[in-house]
C-alpha cells in the first residue's frame, strides 16, 4: 500500500528495459543503442551445421532452409503414424518431398498436415495407391478439389491419365 514505484506488466517491463524485436534477425532480444541486438551489431558470420552455408551469427546454428527442412521431416514422420498401411505411408513421405519442391520447404512444412487425412482414407481403401483413374472414380470432385496438390502429384505419378471425355462424364455423374 505504501509503494513508491509504478507496477508494470511483464510486457511493459521488458519494453522499458530495452527488450524488443531486432529488425535484422527478428528475434526478441535486448537492443543496443543502434537499434539492433548485440549479435547483429557485431556482424559475425558462422556456418550452418547442416549444409555449411554461411549465415549471420544471430540466426543460430542452422539456416532458415535447413530449419524448415527439419520441421517438414519431423512433421511428416509424426503424421505418417496415422496412416495404416506401409506402402501408402511411404508414399506420403514421397508426397511431402514433392510438395517441398513444388511450393518450397517452408510452405510444405506449414501445410503438410492438411493432406494426411486423404492418405489415411486411401490406406483404408487400398493396400497401395492405385492408378489416377481409380482414385478419380472413387473420390468425389469436392474432395479432389480440397486436396488439389495430391491430385497434381497423382497425375505426375500416373502413367495413364484419363481422357477428357471420361473426366467430363465422371464430373456430370458425380455432380
Protein backbone atom coordinates (compact mmCIF):
# COMPACT_ATOMS: atom_id res chain seq x y z
CA UNK A 1 0.00 0.00 0.00
CA UNK A 2 2.87 2.37 0.55
CA UNK A 3 4.64 1.57 -2.76
CA UNK A 4 6.51 4.41 -4.35
CA UNK A 5 7.01 2.91 -7.86
CA UNK A 6 4.55 2.06 -10.54
CA UNK A 7 3.64 -1.55 -11.19
CA UNK A 8 4.27 -2.78 -14.75
CA UNK A 9 3.06 -5.85 -16.56
CA UNK A 10 5.76 -8.14 -17.92
CA UNK A 11 5.39 -6.80 -21.48
CA UNK A 12 5.80 -3.18 -20.35
CA UNK A 13 8.67 -4.13 -18.04
CA UNK A 14 10.65 -5.85 -20.81
CA UNK A 15 9.97 -2.95 -23.19
CA UNK A 16 11.12 -0.45 -20.57
CA UNK A 17 14.33 -2.44 -20.03
CA UNK A 18 15.17 -2.31 -23.75
CA UNK A 19 13.81 -5.62 -24.99
CA UNK A 20 12.19 -5.57 -28.41
CA UNK A 21 12.25 -7.44 -31.70
CA UNK A 22 15.51 -6.91 -33.57
CA UNK A 23 14.74 -5.67 -37.09
CA UNK A 24 17.65 -7.64 -38.56
CA UNK A 25 17.22 -11.16 -37.11
CA UNK A 26 13.56 -10.82 -35.98
CA UNK A 27 14.34 -12.22 -32.52
CA UNK A 28 13.11 -10.73 -29.25
CA UNK A 29 16.28 -9.57 -27.52
CA UNK A 30 17.70 -6.60 -25.65
CA UNK A 31 18.58 -3.95 -28.22
CA UNK A 32 21.73 -1.85 -28.25
CA UNK A 33 21.90 1.87 -28.94
CA UNK A 34 21.91 1.30 -32.72
CA UNK A 35 18.51 -0.45 -32.55
CA UNK A 36 19.96 -3.93 -33.19
CA UNK A 37 20.67 -6.79 -30.81
CA UNK A 38 24.27 -7.34 -29.74
CA UNK A 39 24.82 -10.24 -32.15
CA UNK A 40 23.55 -8.24 -35.14
CA UNK A 41 25.61 -5.21 -34.10
CA UNK A 42 28.80 -7.28 -34.19
CA UNK A 43 28.10 -8.56 -37.73
CA UNK A 44 29.59 -12.01 -37.12
CA UNK A 45 29.31 -14.81 -39.70
CA UNK A 46 29.01 -18.54 -38.94
CA UNK A 47 28.35 -21.70 -40.95
CA UNK A 48 25.13 -23.71 -40.92
CA UNK A 49 25.77 -27.05 -39.20
CA UNK A 50 23.50 -28.85 -41.71
CA UNK A 51 24.57 -27.52 -45.12
CA UNK A 52 27.66 -25.44 -44.38
CA UNK A 53 26.20 -22.26 -45.86
CA UNK A 54 27.49 -19.00 -44.38
CA UNK A 55 24.80 -17.33 -42.27
CA UNK A 56 24.75 -14.36 -39.88
CA UNK A 57 25.62 -15.46 -36.34
CA UNK A 58 22.38 -14.07 -34.95
CA UNK A 59 20.39 -16.70 -36.89
CA UNK A 60 21.70 -19.52 -34.70
CA UNK A 61 23.25 -22.82 -35.80
CA UNK A 62 21.16 -23.64 -38.88
CA UNK A 63 19.99 -21.58 -41.84
CA UNK A 64 16.29 -20.98 -42.45
CA UNK A 65 16.07 -23.52 -45.30
CA UNK A 66 17.59 -26.31 -43.19
CA UNK A 67 15.32 -25.43 -40.26
CA UNK A 68 12.24 -25.70 -42.48
CA UNK A 69 13.52 -28.96 -43.99
CA UNK A 70 13.97 -30.41 -40.48
CA UNK A 71 10.45 -29.28 -39.46
CA UNK A 72 8.97 -30.86 -42.58
CA UNK A 73 10.78 -34.14 -41.95
CA UNK A 74 9.65 -34.28 -38.30
CA UNK A 75 6.04 -33.37 -39.11
CA UNK A 76 5.95 -35.93 -41.91
CA UNK A 77 7.25 -38.65 -39.57
CA UNK A 78 4.62 -37.76 -36.96
CA UNK A 79 1.79 -37.70 -39.49
CA UNK A 80 2.85 -41.00 -41.07
CA UNK A 81 1.98 -42.75 -37.81
CA UNK A 82 -1.71 -42.06 -38.53
CA UNK A 83 -1.57 -43.81 -41.93
CA UNK A 84 -2.34 -47.51 -41.67
CA UNK A 85 -0.51 -49.38 -44.40
CA UNK A 86 3.20 -49.36 -45.25
CA UNK A 87 3.10 -48.59 -48.97
CA UNK A 88 0.80 -45.58 -48.69
CA UNK A 89 2.67 -44.44 -45.59
CA UNK A 90 5.89 -44.38 -47.66
CA UNK A 91 4.05 -42.59 -50.47
CA UNK A 92 3.07 -39.87 -48.01
CA UNK A 93 6.78 -39.26 -47.37
CA UNK A 94 7.42 -39.07 -51.12
CA UNK A 95 4.49 -36.67 -51.47
CA UNK A 96 5.97 -34.44 -48.73
CA UNK A 97 9.27 -34.28 -50.65
CA UNK A 98 7.43 -33.45 -53.89
CA UNK A 99 5.39 -30.78 -52.11
CA UNK A 100 8.58 -29.19 -50.76
CA UNK A 101 9.96 -28.99 -54.31
CA UNK A 102 6.69 -27.65 -55.66
CA UNK A 103 5.82 -24.93 -53.12
CA UNK A 104 9.01 -24.61 -51.03
CA UNK A 105 10.01 -26.25 -47.78
CA UNK A 106 8.54 -23.53 -45.57
CA UNK A 107 5.04 -23.71 -47.00
CA UNK A 108 5.23 -27.51 -47.26
CA UNK A 109 6.13 -27.78 -43.57
CA UNK A 110 3.24 -25.50 -42.61
CA UNK A 111 0.62 -27.26 -44.79
CA UNK A 112 1.60 -30.95 -44.83
CA UNK A 113 -0.90 -31.82 -42.07
CA UNK A 114 -3.89 -30.95 -44.25
CA UNK A 115 -3.04 -33.77 -46.70
CA UNK A 116 -2.73 -36.58 -44.14
CA UNK A 117 -6.48 -37.38 -43.95
CA UNK A 118 -6.58 -38.04 -47.70
CA UNK A 119 -3.70 -40.53 -47.47
CA UNK A 120 -5.31 -42.10 -44.41
CA UNK A 121 -8.58 -42.58 -46.35
CA UNK A 122 -6.65 -44.13 -49.25
CA UNK A 123 -4.91 -46.52 -46.84
CA UNK A 124 -8.33 -47.69 -45.61
CA UNK A 125 -9.47 -48.38 -49.20
CA UNK A 126 -6.39 -49.88 -50.88
CA UNK A 127 -3.11 -51.55 -49.81
CA UNK A 128 -1.22 -49.28 -52.22
CA UNK A 129 -2.04 -46.17 -54.23
CA UNK A 130 -3.99 -47.24 -57.31
CA UNK A 131 -3.93 -45.52 -60.67
CA UNK A 132 -5.16 -41.98 -61.04
CA UNK A 133 -8.35 -43.09 -62.82
CA UNK A 134 -9.30 -45.38 -59.89
CA UNK A 135 -8.76 -42.57 -57.38
CA UNK A 136 -10.72 -40.23 -59.65
CA UNK A 137 -13.65 -42.64 -59.79
CA UNK A 138 -13.66 -43.29 -56.01
CA UNK A 139 -13.42 -39.76 -54.56
CA UNK A 140 -15.93 -37.02 -55.31
CA UNK A 141 -14.85 -33.85 -57.16
CA UNK A 142 -15.25 -31.78 -53.99
CA UNK A 143 -12.74 -33.99 -52.18
CA UNK A 144 -10.23 -33.82 -55.00
CA UNK A 145 -10.59 -30.04 -55.19
CA UNK A 146 -9.86 -29.86 -51.48
CA UNK A 147 -6.65 -31.86 -51.99
CA UNK A 148 -5.52 -30.24 -55.24
CA UNK A 149 -1.79 -30.79 -54.62
CA UNK A 150 -2.37 -34.51 -54.03
CA UNK A 151 -4.30 -34.63 -57.29
CA UNK A 152 -1.42 -32.93 -59.12
CA UNK A 153 1.06 -35.33 -57.53
CA UNK A 154 -1.04 -38.34 -58.52
CA UNK A 155 -1.26 -37.05 -62.08
CA UNK A 156 2.53 -36.81 -62.25
CA UNK A 157 2.96 -40.27 -60.73
CA UNK A 158 0.44 -41.94 -63.02
CA UNK A 159 1.49 -43.13 -66.46
CA UNK A 160 -2.01 -43.10 -67.92
CA UNK A 161 -4.17 -40.04 -67.45
CA UNK A 162 -7.91 -40.33 -68.00
CA UNK A 163 -9.13 -38.75 -71.21
CA UNK A 164 -11.21 -35.59 -71.13
CA UNK A 165 -14.44 -37.39 -72.11
CA UNK A 166 -14.15 -39.78 -69.16
CA UNK A 167 -13.43 -36.89 -66.80
CA UNK A 168 -16.43 -34.89 -68.06
CA UNK A 169 -18.70 -37.93 -67.77
CA UNK A 170 -17.43 -38.55 -64.24
CA UNK A 171 -17.99 -34.90 -63.26
CA UNK A 172 -21.54 -34.93 -64.60
CA UNK A 173 -22.41 -38.19 -62.88
CA UNK A 174 -20.84 -37.17 -59.54
CA UNK A 175 -22.32 -33.65 -59.84
